[in-house]
C-alpha atoms as a PDB file:
ATOM      1  CA  MET A   1      42.416  12.437  -6.143  1.00  0.00           C
ATOM      2  CA  ARG A   2      41.730   9.381  -8.215  1.00  0.00           C
ATOM      3  CA  LEU A   3      38.716   7.536  -9.472  1.00  0.00           C
ATOM      4  CA  LEU A   4      37.591   4.424  -7.683  1.00  0.00           C
ATOM      5  CA  ARG A   5      35.842   1.887  -9.900  1.00  0.00           C
ATOM      6  CA  GLY A   6      35.607   4.610 -12.557  1.00  0.00           C
ATOM      7  CA  GLN A   7      32.589   6.014 -10.690  1.00  0.00           C
ATOM      8  CA  PHE A   8      33.728   7.666  -7.511  1.00  0.00           C
ATOM      9  CA  GLU A   9      36.321  10.355  -7.008  1.00  0.00           C
ATOM     10  CA  LEU A  10      38.396   9.290  -4.036  1.00  0.00           C
ATOM     11  CA  ARG A  11      39.510  11.976  -1.603  1.00  0.00           C
ATOM     12  CA  VAL A  12      41.764  10.816   1.198  1.00  0.00           C
ATOM     13  CA  ALA A  13      42.364  12.762   4.399  1.00  0.00           C
ATOM     14  CA  ASP A  14      44.798  11.702   7.101  1.00  0.00           C
ATOM     15  CA  CYS A  15      42.948  13.387   9.952  1.00  0.00           C
ATOM     16  CA  GLY A  16      39.464  14.553  10.877  1.00  0.00           C
ATOM     17  CA  ALA A  17      40.102  18.236  10.249  1.00  0.00           C
ATOM     18  CA  ARG A  18      41.298  17.517   6.716  1.00  0.00           C
ATOM     19  CA  ALA A  19      38.332  15.218   6.141  1.00  0.00           C
ATOM     20  CA  LEU A  20      35.951  18.012   7.096  1.00  0.00           C
ATOM     21  CA  ALA A  21      37.784  20.415   4.791  1.00  0.00           C
ATOM     22  CA  ALA A  22      37.766  17.885   1.923  1.00  0.00           C
ATOM     23  CA  VAL A  23      33.980  17.855   1.674  1.00  0.00           C
ATOM     24  CA  GLN A  24      33.547  21.639   1.761  1.00  0.00           C
ATOM     25  CA  GLY A  25      32.038  22.857  -1.466  1.00  0.00           C
ATOM     26  CA  GLY A  26      31.363  19.340  -2.666  1.00  0.00           C
ATOM     27  CA  SER A  27      28.656  16.779  -2.364  1.00  0.00           C
ATOM     28  CA  PRO A  28      30.127  13.305  -1.920  1.00  0.00           C
ATOM     29  CA  ASP A  29      28.090  10.249  -2.860  1.00  0.00           C
ATOM     30  CA  VAL A  30      29.479   8.208   0.040  1.00  0.00           C
ATOM     31  CA  LEU A  31      31.517   8.814   3.197  1.00  0.00           C
ATOM     32  CA  ILE A  32      34.020   6.289   4.531  1.00  0.00           C
ATOM     33  CA  LEU A  33      35.597   7.234   7.846  1.00  0.00           C
ATOM     34  CA  ASP A  34      38.149   5.579  10.082  1.00  0.00           C
ATOM     35  CA  ALA A  35      37.028   5.247  13.680  1.00  0.00           C
ATOM     36  CA  ASN A  36      40.380   6.353  15.105  1.00  0.00           C
ATOM     37  CA  LEU A  37      41.872   9.348  13.336  1.00  0.00           C
ATOM     38  CA  PRO A  38      44.863  11.149  14.885  1.00  0.00           C
ATOM     39  CA  ASP A  39      42.908  14.249  15.920  1.00  0.00           C
ATOM     40  CA  MET A  40      39.368  12.966  16.439  1.00  0.00           C
ATOM     41  CA  SER A  41      37.223   9.896  15.996  1.00  0.00           C
ATOM     42  CA  GLY A  42      35.181   9.061  12.917  1.00  0.00           C
ATOM     43  CA  PHE A  43      32.132   9.561  15.138  1.00  0.00           C
ATOM     44  CA  GLU A  44      33.228  13.136  15.845  1.00  0.00           C
ATOM     45  CA  VAL A  45      33.769  13.756  12.132  1.00  0.00           C
ATOM     46  CA  LEU A  46      30.347  12.419  11.150  1.00  0.00           C
ATOM     47  CA  ARG A  47      28.374  14.747  13.450  1.00  0.00           C
ATOM     48  CA  PRO A  48      29.190  18.026  11.633  1.00  0.00           C
ATOM     49  CA  LEU A  49      28.908  16.280   8.264  1.00  0.00           C
ATOM     50  CA  ARG A  50      25.383  15.087   9.069  1.00  0.00           C
ATOM     51  CA  ALA A  51      24.483  18.652  10.094  1.00  0.00           C
ATOM     52  CA  LEU A  52      25.086  19.825   6.516  1.00  0.00           C
ATOM     53  CA  PRO A  53      21.860  19.540   4.485  1.00  0.00           C
ATOM     54  CA  ALA A  54      23.712  18.159   1.441  1.00  0.00           C
ATOM     55  CA  LEU A  55      25.275  15.380   3.525  1.00  0.00           C
ATOM     56  CA  HIS A  56      22.396  14.536   5.835  1.00  0.00           C
ATOM     57  CA  SER A  57      21.438  11.366   3.955  1.00  0.00           C
ATOM     58  CA  VAL A  58      24.701  10.471   2.189  1.00  0.00           C
ATOM     59  CA  PRO A  59      25.610   6.840   2.967  1.00  0.00           C
ATOM     60  CA  ALA A  60      28.343   6.751   5.614  1.00  0.00           C
ATOM     61  CA  PHE A  61      30.540   3.826   6.603  1.00  0.00           C
ATOM     62  CA  ILE A  62      33.000   3.520   9.449  1.00  0.00           C
ATOM     63  CA  CYS A  63      36.096   1.302   9.559  1.00  0.00           C
ATOM     64  CA  SER A  64      37.570  -0.021  12.783  1.00  0.00           C
ATOM     65  CA  ALA A  65      39.533  -2.888  14.247  1.00  0.00           C
ATOM     66  CA  ASP A  66      36.872  -3.121  16.964  1.00  0.00           C
ATOM     67  CA  ALA A  67      34.230  -5.700  16.164  1.00  0.00           C
ATOM     68  CA  LEU A  68      32.060  -6.182  19.229  1.00  0.00           C
ATOM     69  CA  ALA A  69      28.298  -6.072  18.837  1.00  0.00           C
ATOM     70  CA  SER A  70      28.280  -2.921  20.996  1.00  0.00           C
ATOM     71  CA  ASP A  71      30.705  -1.234  18.549  1.00  0.00           C
ATOM     72  CA  LEU A  72      28.399  -1.961  15.633  1.00  0.00           C
ATOM     73  CA  GLN A  73      25.391  -0.694  17.589  1.00  0.00           C
ATOM     74  CA  ARG A  74      27.244   2.498  18.540  1.00  0.00           C
ATOM     75  CA  ALA A  75      27.964   3.105  14.840  1.00  0.00           C
ATOM     76  CA  ARG A  76      24.301   2.587  13.889  1.00  0.00           C
ATOM     77  CA  ASP A  77      23.194   4.889  16.701  1.00  0.00           C
ATOM     78  CA  ALA A  78      25.636   7.562  15.480  1.00  0.00           C
ATOM     79  CA  GLY A  79      24.128   7.479  11.986  1.00  0.00           C
ATOM     80  CA  PHE A  80      26.513   5.233  10.090  1.00  0.00           C
ATOM     81  CA  ASP A  81      24.947   3.035   7.427  1.00  0.00           C
ATOM     82  CA  GLY A  82      27.632   0.380   7.529  1.00  0.00           C
ATOM     83  CA  TYR A  83      30.564  -0.900   9.544  1.00  0.00           C
ATOM     84  CA  ARG A  84      33.724  -2.489   8.178  1.00  0.00           C
ATOM     85  CA  THR A  85      36.190  -4.282  10.394  1.00  0.00           C
ATOM     86  CA  LYS A  86      39.899  -4.266   9.668  1.00  0.00           C
ATOM     87  CA  PRO A  87      41.484  -5.750   7.748  1.00  0.00           C
ATOM     88  CA  ILE A  88      39.091  -4.388   5.135  1.00  0.00           C
ATOM     89  CA  ALA A  89      37.714  -6.875   2.612  1.00  0.00           C
ATOM     90  CA  ALA A  90      38.146  -4.883  -0.603  1.00  0.00           C
ATOM     91  CA  ALA A  91      35.673  -7.013  -2.578  1.00  0.00           C
ATOM     92  CA  ALA A  92      32.897  -6.329  -0.057  1.00  0.00           C
ATOM     93  CA  VAL A  93      33.583  -2.582  -0.098  1.00  0.00           C
ATOM     94  CA  LEU A  94      33.571  -2.496  -3.903  1.00  0.00           C
ATOM     95  CA  ALA A  95      30.272  -4.406  -3.953  1.00  0.00           C
ATOM     96  CA  GLU A  96      28.757  -1.826  -1.593  1.00  0.00           C
ATOM     97  CA  LEU A  97      30.059   1.014  -3.763  1.00  0.00           C
ATOM     98  CA  ASP A  98      28.509  -0.615  -6.829  1.00  0.00           C
ATOM     99  CA  ALA A  99      25.166  -0.812  -4.989  1.00  0.00           C
ATOM    100  CA  ILE A 100      25.413   2.843  -3.956  1.00  0.00           C
ATOM    101  CA  ALA A 101      26.242   3.806  -7.541  1.00  0.00           C
ATOM    102  CA  ARG A 102      23.065   2.107  -8.726  1.00  0.00           C
ATOM    103  CA  GLN A 103      21.019   3.903  -6.050  1.00  0.00           C
ATOM    104  CA  VAL A 104      22.283   7.336  -7.067  1.00  0.00           C
ATOM    105  CA  SER A 105      21.747   6.520 -10.764  1.00  0.00           C
ATOM    106  CA  MET A 106      25.384   6.482 -11.669  1.00  0.00           C
ATOM    107  CA  PRO A 107      26.639   4.082 -14.347  1.00  0.00           C
ATOM    108  CA  ALA A 108      27.860   0.859 -12.750  1.00  0.00           C
END
């Protein structure tokens, strides 16, 4: 684990099952999921996360190479707050993280 922007602890999981395990016992400030994980989709990972009271309203973003309007709508309908297309624009992601940090009263 490492700190991202000095504000967020970054936990990386290489599959959906590990992502679900990584949030157990913790309360992340933001979720960033890949749409196509080896064992399940980011959509499948988000459903059980949203069922947890502590994660019901945590901002969630999905990353995908798919960029059709229907893909973005599917993500919104599934409960994602944002959609990032690959390749990921790091500056845009960092700006969003800074905004989230301000919303949760963390030092920017």
